[in-house]
PDB file of N, CA and C in Angstrom:
ATOM      1  N   MET A   1       0.975  -1.051  -0.075  1.00  0.00           N
ATOM      2  CA  MET A   1       0.134   0.115   0.178  1.00  0.00           C
ATOM      3  C   MET A   1       0.834   1.517   0.003  1.00  0.00           C
ATOM      4  N   LYS A   2       2.032   1.321   0.820  1.00  0.00           N
ATOM      5  CA  LYS A   2       2.682   2.331   0.730  1.00  0.00           C
ATOM      6  C   LYS A   2       3.343   2.728  -0.529  1.00  0.00           C
ATOM      7  N   LEU A   3       3.649   1.626  -1.483  1.00  0.00           N
ATOM      8  CA  LEU A   3       4.261   1.591  -2.760  1.00  0.00           C
ATOM      9  C   LEU A   3       3.203   2.218  -3.820  1.00  0.00           C
ATOM     10  N   VAL A   4       1.914   2.037  -3.508  1.00  0.00           N
ATOM     11  CA  VAL A   4       0.955   2.639  -4.320  1.00  0.00           C
ATOM     12  C   VAL A   4       0.730   4.224  -3.955  1.00  0.00           C
ATOM     13  N   VAL A   5       0.972   4.587  -2.718  1.00  0.00           N
ATOM     14  CA  VAL A   5       0.679   5.727  -2.174  1.00  0.00           C
ATOM     15  C   VAL A   5       1.842   6.639  -2.764  1.00  0.00           C
ATOM     16  N   LEU A   6       3.210   6.153  -2.444  1.00  0.00           N
ATOM     17  CA  LEU A   6       4.324   6.671  -2.964  1.00  0.00           C
ATOM     18  C   LEU A   6       4.425   7.027  -4.468  1.00  0.00           C
ATOM     19  N   PHE A   7       3.580   5.844  -5.448  1.00  0.00           N
ATOM     20  CA  PHE A   7       3.761   6.254  -6.699  1.00  0.00           C
ATOM     21  C   PHE A   7       2.644   7.155  -7.095  1.00  0.00           C
ATOM     22  N   MET A   8       1.617   7.365  -6.426  1.00  0.00           N
ATOM     23  CA  MET A   8       0.541   8.606  -6.759  1.00  0.00           C
ATOM     24  C   MET A   8       1.336   9.740  -6.630  1.00  0.00           C
ATOM     25  N   LEU A   9       1.885   9.925  -5.473  1.00  0.00           N
ATOM     26  CA  LEU A   9       2.575  11.234  -4.683  1.00  0.00           C
ATOM     27  C   LEU A   9       3.637  11.562  -5.930  1.00  0.00           C
ATOM     28  N   VAL A  10       4.380  10.688  -6.699  1.00  0.00           N
ATOM     29  CA  VAL A  10       5.608  10.954  -7.331  1.00  0.00           C
ATOM     30  C   VAL A  10       5.058  11.436  -8.998  1.00  0.00           C
ATOM     31  N   THR A  11       3.915  10.910  -9.084  1.00  0.00           N
ATOM     32  CA  THR A  11       3.005  11.263 -10.402  1.00  0.00           C
ATOM     33  C   THR A  11       2.488  12.465 -10.465  1.00  0.00           C
ATOM     34  N   ILE A  12       1.790  13.191  -9.430  1.00  0.00           N
ATOM     35  CA  ILE A  12       1.445  14.392  -9.130  1.00  0.00           C
ATOM     36  C   ILE A  12       2.062  15.715  -9.960  1.00  0.00           C
ATOM     37  N   PRO A  13       3.320  15.806  -9.475  1.00  0.00           N
ATOM     38  CA  PRO A  13       3.706  17.044 -10.089  1.00  0.00           C
ATOM     39  C   PRO A  13       3.761  16.893 -11.703  1.00  0.00           C
ATOM     40  N   ILE A  14       3.986  15.580 -12.023  1.00  0.00           N
ATOM     41  CA  ILE A  14       3.904  15.350 -13.806  1.00  0.00           C
ATOM     42  C   ILE A  14       2.377  15.595 -14.172  1.00  0.00           C
ATOM     43  N   TYR A  15       1.476  14.850 -13.606  1.00  0.00           N
ATOM     44  CA  TYR A  15       0.071  15.185 -13.952  1.00  0.00           C
ATOM     45  C   TYR A  15      -0.064  16.892 -13.989  1.00  0.00           C
ATOM     46  N   CYS A  16       0.109  17.325 -13.205  1.00  0.00           N
ATOM     47  CA  CYS A  16      -0.144  18.837 -12.824  1.00  0.00           C
ATOM     48  C   CYS A  16       0.433  19.647 -13.830  1.00  0.00           C
ATOM     49  N   TYR A  17       2.019  19.360 -14.126  1.00  0.00           N
ATOM     50  CA  TYR A  17       2.252  20.113 -14.870  1.00  0.00           C
ATOM     51  C   TYR A  17       2.016  19.823 -16.682  1.00  0.00           C
ATOM     52  N   ALA A  18       1.571  18.670 -16.804  1.00  0.00           N
ATOM     53  CA  ALA A  18       0.772  18.360 -18.219  1.00  0.00           C
ATOM     54  C   ALA A  18      -0.532  18.921 -18.304  1.00  0.00           C
ATOM     55  N   SER A  19      -0.978  18.981 -17.217  1.00  0.00           N
ATOM     56  CA  SER A  19      -2.497  19.636 -17.205  1.00  0.00           C
ATOM     57  C   SER A  19      -2.693  20.832 -17.738  1.00  0.00           C
ATOM     58  N   GLY A  20      -3.750  20.948 -18.611  1.00  0.00           N
ATOM     59  CA  GLY A  20      -4.160  22.472 -18.916  1.00  0.00           C
ATOM     60  C   GLY A  20      -5.187  23.116 -18.178  1.00  0.00           C
ATOM     61  N   SER A  21      -5.763  22.489 -17.379  1.00  0.00           N
ATOM     62  CA  SER A  21      -7.013  22.797 -16.471  1.00  0.00           C
ATOM     63  C   SER A  21      -6.632  23.415 -15.180  1.00  0.00           C
ATOM     64  N   GLY A  22      -5.299  23.608 -15.001  1.00  0.00           N
ATOM     65  CA  GLY A  22      -5.007  23.986 -13.720  1.00  0.00           C
ATOM     66  C   GLY A  22      -5.019  23.000 -12.401  1.00  0.00           C
ATOM     67  N   CYS A  23      -5.254  21.984 -12.916  1.00  0.00           N
ATOM     68  CA  CYS A  23      -5.445  20.620 -11.841  1.00  0.00           C
ATOM     69  C   CYS A  23      -6.414  20.675 -11.228  1.00  0.00           C
ATOM     70  N   SER A  24      -7.970  21.287 -11.487  1.00  0.00           N
ATOM     71  CA  SER A  24      -8.571  21.229 -10.675  1.00  0.00           C
ATOM     72  C   SER A  24      -9.244  19.997 -10.715  1.00  0.00           C
ATOM     73  N   THR A  25      -9.445  19.117 -11.318  1.00  0.00           N
ATOM     74  CA  THR A  25      -9.659  17.684 -11.160  1.00  0.00           C
ATOM     75  C   THR A  25      -9.083  16.919 -10.193  1.00  0.00           C
ATOM     76  N   LEU A  26      -7.628  17.084 -10.376  1.00  0.00           N
ATOM     77  CA  LEU A  26      -6.784  16.275  -9.475  1.00  0.00           C
ATOM     78  C   LEU A  26      -6.828  17.012  -8.069  1.00  0.00           C
ATOM     79  N   ASP A  27      -7.051  18.113  -7.843  1.00  0.00           N
ATOM     80  CA  ASP A  27      -7.253  18.871  -6.603  1.00  0.00           C
ATOM     81  C   ASP A  27      -8.431  18.224  -5.851  1.00  0.00           C
ATOM     82  N   LYS A  28      -9.749  18.081  -6.759  1.00  0.00           N
ATOM     83  CA  LYS A  28     -10.791  17.541  -6.146  1.00  0.00           C
ATOM     84  C   LYS A  28     -10.590  16.153  -5.584  1.00  0.00           C
ATOM     85  N   VAL A  29      -9.908  15.278  -6.108  1.00  0.00           N
ATOM     86  CA  VAL A  29      -9.809  13.892  -6.000  1.00  0.00           C
ATOM     87  C   VAL A  29      -8.856  13.731  -4.851  1.00  0.00           C
ATOM     88  N   ILE A  30      -7.734  14.510  -4.654  1.00  0.00           N
ATOM     89  CA  ILE A  30      -6.777  14.760  -3.789  1.00  0.00           C
ATOM     90  C   ILE A  30      -7.417  15.274  -2.234  1.00  0.00           C
ATOM     91  N   ASN A  31      -8.353  16.321  -2.525  1.00  0.00           N
ATOM     92  CA  ASN A  31      -9.019  16.670  -1.276  1.00  0.00           C
ATOM     93  C   ASN A  31     -10.241  15.609  -0.572  1.00  0.00           C
ATOM     94  N   SER A  32     -10.492  15.094  -1.632  1.00  0.00           N
ATOM     95  CA  SER A  32     -11.723  14.030  -1.302  1.00  0.00           C
ATOM     96  C   SER A  32     -10.679  12.688  -0.684  1.00  0.00           C
ATOM     97  N   THR A  33      -9.573  12.699  -1.127  1.00  0.00           N
ATOM     98  CA  THR A  33      -8.899  11.486  -0.456  1.00  0.00           C
ATOM     99  C   THR A  33      -8.494  11.594   0.684  1.00  0.00           C
ATOM    100  N   ILE A  34      -8.298  13.009   0.940  1.00  0.00           N
ATOM    101  CA  ILE A  34      -7.512  13.189   2.142  1.00  0.00           C
ATOM    102  C   ILE A  34      -8.626  13.425   3.042  1.00  0.00           C
ATOM    103  N   ASP A  35      -9.939  13.753   2.846  1.00  0.00           N
ATOM    104  CA  ASP A  35     -10.945  14.249   3.686  1.00  0.00           C
ATOM    105  C   ASP A  35     -11.629  13.116   4.360  1.00  0.00           C
ATOM    106  N   SER A  36     -11.449  12.901   5.839  1.00  0.00           N
ATOM    107  CA  SER A  36     -12.128  11.883   6.182  1.00  0.00           C
ATOM    108  C   SER A  36     -13.520  11.792   6.428  1.00  0.00           C
ATOM    109  N   SER A  37     -14.355  12.827   6.107  1.00  0.00           N
ATOM    110  CA  SER A  37     -15.411  13.113   6.247  1.00  0.00           C
ATOM    111  C   SER A  37     -16.538  12.258   4.838  1.00  0.00           C
ATOM    112  N   VAL A  38     -15.527  12.275   3.558  1.00  0.00           N
ATOM    113  CA  VAL A  38     -15.926  11.565   2.480  1.00  0.00           C
ATOM    114  C   VAL A  38     -15.898  10.194   2.503  1.00  0.00           C
ATOM    115  N   PRO A  39     -17.006   9.628   2.509  1.00  0.00           N
ATOM    116  CA  PRO A  39     -17.195   8.098   2.675  1.00  0.00           C
ATOM    117  C   PRO A  39     -16.609   7.456   1.530  1.00  0.00           C
ATOM    118  N   GLU A  40     -16.379   5.998   1.687  1.00  0.00           N
ATOM    119  CA  GLU A  40     -15.436   5.342   0.674  1.00  0.00           C
ATOM    120  C   GLU A  40     -16.651   5.315  -0.638  1.00  0.00           C
ATOM    121  N   GLU A  41     -17.845   5.502  -0.489  1.00  0.00           N
ATOM    122  CA  GLU A  41     -18.964   5.096  -1.507  1.00  0.00           C
ATOM    123  C   GLU A  41     -18.756   6.406  -2.242  1.00  0.00           C
ATOM    124  N   ASP A  42     -18.684   7.640  -1.779  1.00  0.00           N
ATOM    125  CA  ASP A  42     -18.816   8.855  -2.404  1.00  0.00           C
ATOM    126  C   ASP A  42     -17.523   8.980  -3.244  1.00  0.00           C
ATOM    127  N   TYR A  43     -16.466   8.584  -2.640  1.00  0.00           N
ATOM    128  CA  TYR A  43     -15.093   8.758  -3.226  1.00  0.00           C
ATOM    129  C   TYR A  43     -15.136   7.751  -4.579  1.00  0.00           C
ATOM    130  N   LEU A  44     -15.653   6.269  -4.414  1.00  0.00           N
ATOM    131  CA  LEU A  44     -15.716   5.635  -5.898  1.00  0.00           C
ATOM    132  C   LEU A  44     -16.589   6.198  -6.701  1.00  0.00           C
ATOM    133  N   GLU A  45     -17.707   6.778  -6.181  1.00  0.00           N
ATOM    134  CA  GLU A  45     -18.554   7.483  -7.188  1.00  0.00           C
ATOM    135  C   GLU A  45     -17.394   8.692  -7.954  1.00  0.00           C
ATOM    136  N   LEU A  46     -17.132   9.566  -7.349  1.00  0.00           N
ATOM    137  CA  LEU A  46     -16.024  10.815  -7.907  1.00  0.00           C
ATOM    138  C   LEU A  46     -15.285   9.993  -8.960  1.00  0.00           C
ATOM    139  N   LEU A  47     -14.477   8.773  -8.692  1.00  0.00           N
ATOM    140  CA  LEU A  47     -13.345   8.392  -9.510  1.00  0.00           C
ATOM    141  C   LEU A  47     -13.872   7.093 -10.262  1.00  0.00           C
ATOM    142  N   SER A  48     -15.252   7.193 -10.273  1.00  0.00           N
ATOM    143  CA  SER A  48     -15.921   6.185 -11.304  1.00  0.00           C
ATOM    144  C   SER A  48     -15.610   6.128 -12.548  1.00  0.00           C
ATOM    145  N   PRO A  49     -15.268   7.693 -13.418  1.00  0.00           N
ATOM    146  CA  PRO A  49     -14.462   7.681 -14.832  1.00  0.00           C
ATOM    147  C   PRO A  49     -13.307   6.892 -14.944  1.00  0.00           C
ATOM    148  N   TYR A  50     -12.607   6.527 -13.825  1.00  0.00           N
ATOM    149  CA  TYR A  50     -11.227   6.317 -13.694  1.00  0.00           C
ATOM    150  C   TYR A  50     -11.147   5.077 -13.569  1.00  0.00           C
ATOM    151  N   VAL A  51     -12.251   4.386 -13.287  1.00  0.00           N
ATOM    152  CA  VAL A  51     -12.014   2.994 -12.314  1.00  0.00           C
ATOM    153  C   VAL A  51     -12.685   2.103 -13.534  1.00  0.00           C
ATOM    154  N   HIS A  52     -11.891   0.982 -14.066  1.00  0.00           N
ATOM    155  CA  HIS A  52     -12.058   0.325 -15.153  1.00  0.00           C
ATOM    156  C   HIS A  52     -11.827  -1.079 -14.698  1.00  0.00           C
ATOM    157  N   GLY A  53     -12.669  -1.774 -13.729  1.00  0.00           N
ATOM    158  CA  GLY A  53     -12.694  -3.003 -13.433  1.00  0.00           C
ATOM    159  C   GLY A  53     -12.521  -3.414 -11.901  1.00  0.00           C
ATOM    160  N   PRO A  54     -12.740  -4.595 -11.653  1.00  0.00           N
ATOM    161  CA  PRO A  54     -12.479  -4.699 -10.029  1.00  0.00           C
ATOM    162  C   PRO A  54     -11.439  -4.648  -9.537  1.00  0.00           C
ATOM    163  N   LEU A  55     -10.081  -4.944 -10.069  1.00  0.00           N
ATOM    164  CA  LEU A  55      -8.985  -4.593  -9.458  1.00  0.00           C
ATOM    165  C   LEU A  55      -8.835  -3.134  -9.363  1.00  0.00           C
ATOM    166  N   THR A  56      -9.092  -2.095 -10.094  1.00  0.00           N
ATOM    167  CA  THR A  56      -8.996  -0.680  -9.968  1.00  0.00           C
ATOM    168  C   THR A  56      -9.903  -0.190  -8.831  1.00  0.00           C
ATOM    169  N   LYS A  57     -11.065  -0.895  -8.705  1.00  0.00           N
ATOM    170  CA  LYS A  57     -12.193  -0.746  -7.850  1.00  0.00           C
ATOM    171  C   LYS A  57     -11.414  -1.019  -6.370  1.00  0.00           C
ATOM    172  N   ASN A  58     -10.982  -2.232  -6.275  1.00  0.00           N
ATOM    173  CA  ASN A  58     -10.497  -2.679  -5.293  1.00  0.00           C
ATOM    174  C   ASN A  58      -9.054  -1.750  -4.520  1.00  0.00           C
ATOM    175  N   ALA A  59      -8.419  -1.188  -5.663  1.00  0.00           N
ATOM    176  CA  ALA A  59      -7.394  -0.307  -5.050  1.00  0.00           C
ATOM    177  C   ALA A  59      -7.594   1.043  -4.852  1.00  0.00           C
ATOM    178  N   VAL A  60      -8.692   1.405  -5.242  1.00  0.00           N
ATOM    179  CA  VAL A  60      -9.313   2.771  -4.754  1.00  0.00           C
ATOM    180  C   VAL A  60     -10.002   2.558  -3.553  1.00  0.00           C
ATOM    181  N   LYS A  61     -10.516   1.461  -3.332  1.00  0.00           N
ATOM    182  CA  LYS A  61     -11.134   1.492  -1.829  1.00  0.00           C
ATOM    183  C   LYS A  61      -9.833   1.182  -0.973  1.00  0.00           C
ATOM    184  N   GLU A  62      -8.724   0.630  -1.196  1.00  0.00           N
ATOM    185  CA  GLU A  62      -7.695   0.386  -0.027  1.00  0.00           C
ATOM    186  C   GLU A  62      -7.215   1.784  -0.147  1.00  0.00           C
ATOM    187  N   LEU A  63      -6.978   2.672  -1.131  1.00  0.00           N
ATOM    188  CA  LEU A  63      -6.045   3.904  -0.806  1.00  0.00           C
ATOM    189  C   LEU A  63      -7.132   4.805  -0.083  1.00  0.00           C
ATOM    190  N   LYS A  64      -8.559   4.768  -0.245  1.00  0.00           N
ATOM    191  CA  LYS A  64      -9.143   5.710   0.680  1.00  0.00           C
ATOM    192  C   LYS A  64      -9.380   5.061   1.734  1.00  0.00           C
ATOM    193  N   GLN A  65      -9.268   4.105   2.015  1.00  0.00           N
ATOM    194  CA  GLN A  65      -9.434   3.303   3.683  1.00  0.00           C
ATOM    195  C   GLN A  65      -7.901   3.666   4.412  1.00  0.00           C
ATOM    196  N   CYS A  66      -6.953   3.757   3.480  1.00  0.00           N
ATOM    197  CA  CYS A  66      -5.567   3.981   4.240  1.00  0.00           C
ATOM    198  C   CYS A  66      -5.917   5.432   4.693  1.00  0.00           C
ATOM    199  N   PHE A  67      -6.561   6.435   4.222  1.00  0.00           N
ATOM    200  CA  PHE A  67      -6.660   7.894   4.562  1.00  0.00           C
ATOM    201  C   PHE A  67      -7.827   7.714   5.858  1.00  0.00           C
ATOM    202  N   LEU A  68      -8.702   6.830   5.589  1.00  0.00           N
ATOM    203  CA  LEU A  68      -9.717   6.987   6.580  1.00  0.00           C
ATOM    204  C   LEU A  68      -9.089   6.204   7.899  1.00  0.00           C
ATOM    205  N   THR A  69      -8.236   5.619   7.877  1.00  0.00           N
ATOM    206  CA  THR A  69      -7.588   5.432   9.196  1.00  0.00           C
ATOM    207  C   THR A  69      -6.751   6.182   9.756  1.00  0.00           C
ATOM    208  N   GLN A  70      -6.284   7.293   9.150  1.00  0.00           N
ATOM    209  CA  GLN A  70      -5.216   7.980   9.838  1.00  0.00           C
ATOM    210  C   GLN A  70      -5.903   9.185  10.843  1.00  0.00           C
ATOM    211  N   ASP A  71      -5.099   9.795  11.855  1.00  0.00           N
ATOM    212  CA  ASP A  71      -5.813  10.538  12.644  1.00  0.00           C
ATOM    213  C   ASP A  71      -5.966  12.011  11.939  1.00  0.00           C
ATOM    214  N   GLU A  72      -6.343  12.847  12.347  1.00  0.00           N
ATOM    215  CA  GLU A  72      -6.723  14.261  11.823  1.00  0.00           C
ATOM    216  C   GLU A  72      -5.272  15.162  11.647  1.00  0.00           C
ATOM    217  N   GLU A  73      -4.367  14.769  12.739  1.00  0.00           N
ATOM    218  CA  GLU A  73      -2.803  15.457  12.444  1.00  0.00           C
ATOM    219  C   GLU A  73      -2.180  15.074  11.394  1.00  0.00           C
ATOM    220  N   THR A  74      -2.156  13.548  10.986  1.00  0.00           N
ATOM    221  CA  THR A  74      -1.614  13.216   9.952  1.00  0.00           C
ATOM    222  C   THR A  74      -2.265  13.658   8.491  1.00  0.00           C
ATOM    223  N   LEU A  75      -3.665  13.675   8.449  1.00  0.00           N
ATOM    224  CA  LEU A  75      -4.143  14.101   7.509  1.00  0.00           C
ATOM    225  C   LEU A  75      -3.838  15.794   7.059  1.00  0.00           C
ATOM    226  N   LYS A  76      -3.780  16.604   7.906  1.00  0.00           N
ATOM    227  CA  LYS A  76      -3.333  17.742   7.762  1.00  0.00           C
ATOM    228  C   LYS A  76      -2.029  17.771   7.266  1.00  0.00           C
ATOM    229  N   ASN A  77      -0.956  16.982   7.790  1.00  0.00           N
ATOM    230  CA  ASN A  77       0.365  16.870   7.515  1.00  0.00           C
ATOM    231  C   ASN A  77       0.342  16.522   5.851  1.00  0.00           C
ATOM    232  N   VAL A  78      -0.475  16.032   5.531  1.00  0.00           N
ATOM    233  CA  VAL A  78      -0.343  15.426   3.752  1.00  0.00           C
ATOM    234  C   VAL A  78      -1.106  16.555   2.864  1.00  0.00           C
ATOM    235  N   GLN A  79      -1.939  17.416   3.405  1.00  0.00           N
ATOM    236  CA  GLN A  79      -2.325  18.548   2.980  1.00  0.00           C
ATOM    237  C   GLN A  79      -1.395  19.474   2.746  1.00  0.00           C
ATOM    238  N   VAL A  80      -0.697  19.703   3.985  1.00  0.00           N
ATOM    239  CA  VAL A  80       0.567  20.772   3.716  1.00  0.00           C
ATOM    240  C   VAL A  80       1.605  20.285   2.713  1.00  0.00           C
ATOM    241  N   MET A  81       2.001  18.849   2.658  1.00  0.00           N
ATOM    242  CA  MET A  81       2.802  18.189   1.736  1.00  0.00           C
ATOM    243  C   MET A  81       2.301  18.532   0.322  1.00  0.00           C
ATOM    244  N   MET A  82       0.835  18.315   0.415  1.00  0.00           N
ATOM    245  CA  MET A  82       0.450  18.245  -1.107  1.00  0.00           C
ATOM    246  C   MET A  82       0.309  19.715  -1.610  1.00  0.00           C
ATOM    247  N   GLU A  83       0.353  20.823  -0.692  1.00  0.00           N
ATOM    248  CA  GLU A  83       0.387  22.364  -1.104  1.00  0.00           C
ATOM    249  C   GLU A  83       1.736  22.759  -1.241  1.00  0.00           C
ATOM    250  N   ALA A  84       2.885  21.862  -0.804  1.00  0.00           N
ATOM    251  CA  ALA A  84       4.121  22.484  -1.094  1.00  0.00           C
ATOM    252  C   ALA A  84       4.745  21.745  -2.371  1.00  0.00           C
ATOM    253  N   ILE A  85       3.948  20.534  -2.883  1.00  0.00           N
ATOM    254  CA  ILE A  85       4.233  19.985  -4.340  1.00  0.00           C
ATOM    255  C   ILE A  85       3.613  20.847  -5.156  1.00  0.00           C
ATOM    256  N   PHE A  86       2.317  21.196  -5.027  1.00  0.00           N
ATOM    257  CA  PHE A  86       1.760  22.242  -6.134  1.00  0.00           C
ATOM    258  C   PHE A  86       2.257  23.277  -6.124  1.00  0.00           C
ATOM    259  N   ASN A  87       2.920  23.681  -5.141  1.00  0.00           N
ATOM    260  CA  ASN A  87       3.757  25.153  -5.103  1.00  0.00           C
ATOM    261  C   ASN A  87       5.047  25.207  -5.522  1.00  0.00           C
ATOM    262  N   SER A  88       5.624  24.049  -5.682  1.00  0.00           N
ATOM    263  CA  SER A  88       7.025  23.623  -6.373  1.00  0.00           C
ATOM    264  C   SER A  88       7.280  24.152  -7.547  1.00  0.00           C
ATOM    265  N   ASP A  89       8.570  24.268  -7.815  1.00  0.00           N
ATOM    266  CA  ASP A  89       8.965  24.875  -9.383  1.00  0.00           C
ATOM    267  C   ASP A  89       8.136  23.835 -10.220  1.00  0.00           C
ATOM    268  N   SER A  90       8.392  22.430  -9.877  1.00  0.00           N
ATOM    269  CA  SER A  90       8.172  21.226 -10.906  1.00  0.00           C
ATOM    270  C   SER A  90       6.554  21.443 -11.475  1.00  0.00           C
ATOM    271  N   CYS A  91       5.879  22.057 -10.494  1.00  0.00           N
ATOM    272  CA  CYS A  91       4.438  21.992 -11.001  1.00  0.00           C
ATOM    273  C   CYS A  91       3.793  23.428 -11.174  1.00  0.00           C
ATOM    274  N   GLN A  92       4.467  24.170 -11.496  1.00  0.00           N
ATOM    275  CA  GLN A  92       4.035  25.732 -12.007  1.00  0.00           C
ATOM    276  C   GLN A  92       3.536  25.499 -13.100  1.00  0.00           C
ATOM    277  N   GLN A  93       2.208  26.249 -13.064  1.00  0.00           N
ATOM    278  CA  GLN A  93       1.292  26.320 -14.523  1.00  0.00           C
ATOM    279  C   GLN A  93       1.894  27.685 -15.291  1.00  0.00           C
ATOM    280  N   SER A  94       1.736  27.358 -16.623  1.00  0.00           N
ATOM    281  CA  SER A  94       2.147  28.774 -17.474  1.00  0.00           C
ATOM    282  C   SER A  94       0.970  29.529 -17.447  1.00  0.00           C
ATOM    283  N   SER A  95       1.210  30.606 -17.730  1.00  0.00           N
ATOM    284  CA  SER A  95      -0.126  31.646 -17.918  1.00  0.00           C
ATOM    285  C   SER A  95      -0.688  31.607 -19.330  1.00  0.00           C
TER     286      SER A  95
END
């Protein structure tokens, strides 16, 4: 599970840089992932356009469950880390 989270975090700056939308979709997914008030069912519904089969569905459930089991301090630290990534030189959007 740690490898999956690490892989997702490594790909975020690349996706953000390649995105012409300003990462609004990615922001919504990340915020929903981190937000402990978002239930697993709602999270699956949000990601349904990107879930193609039972293996992906199980991976998405495991990822959300990983964040649901964390305390609020850890979730706040993840949010701080995501903001640092998005504000880094690697993820700057062109005007």
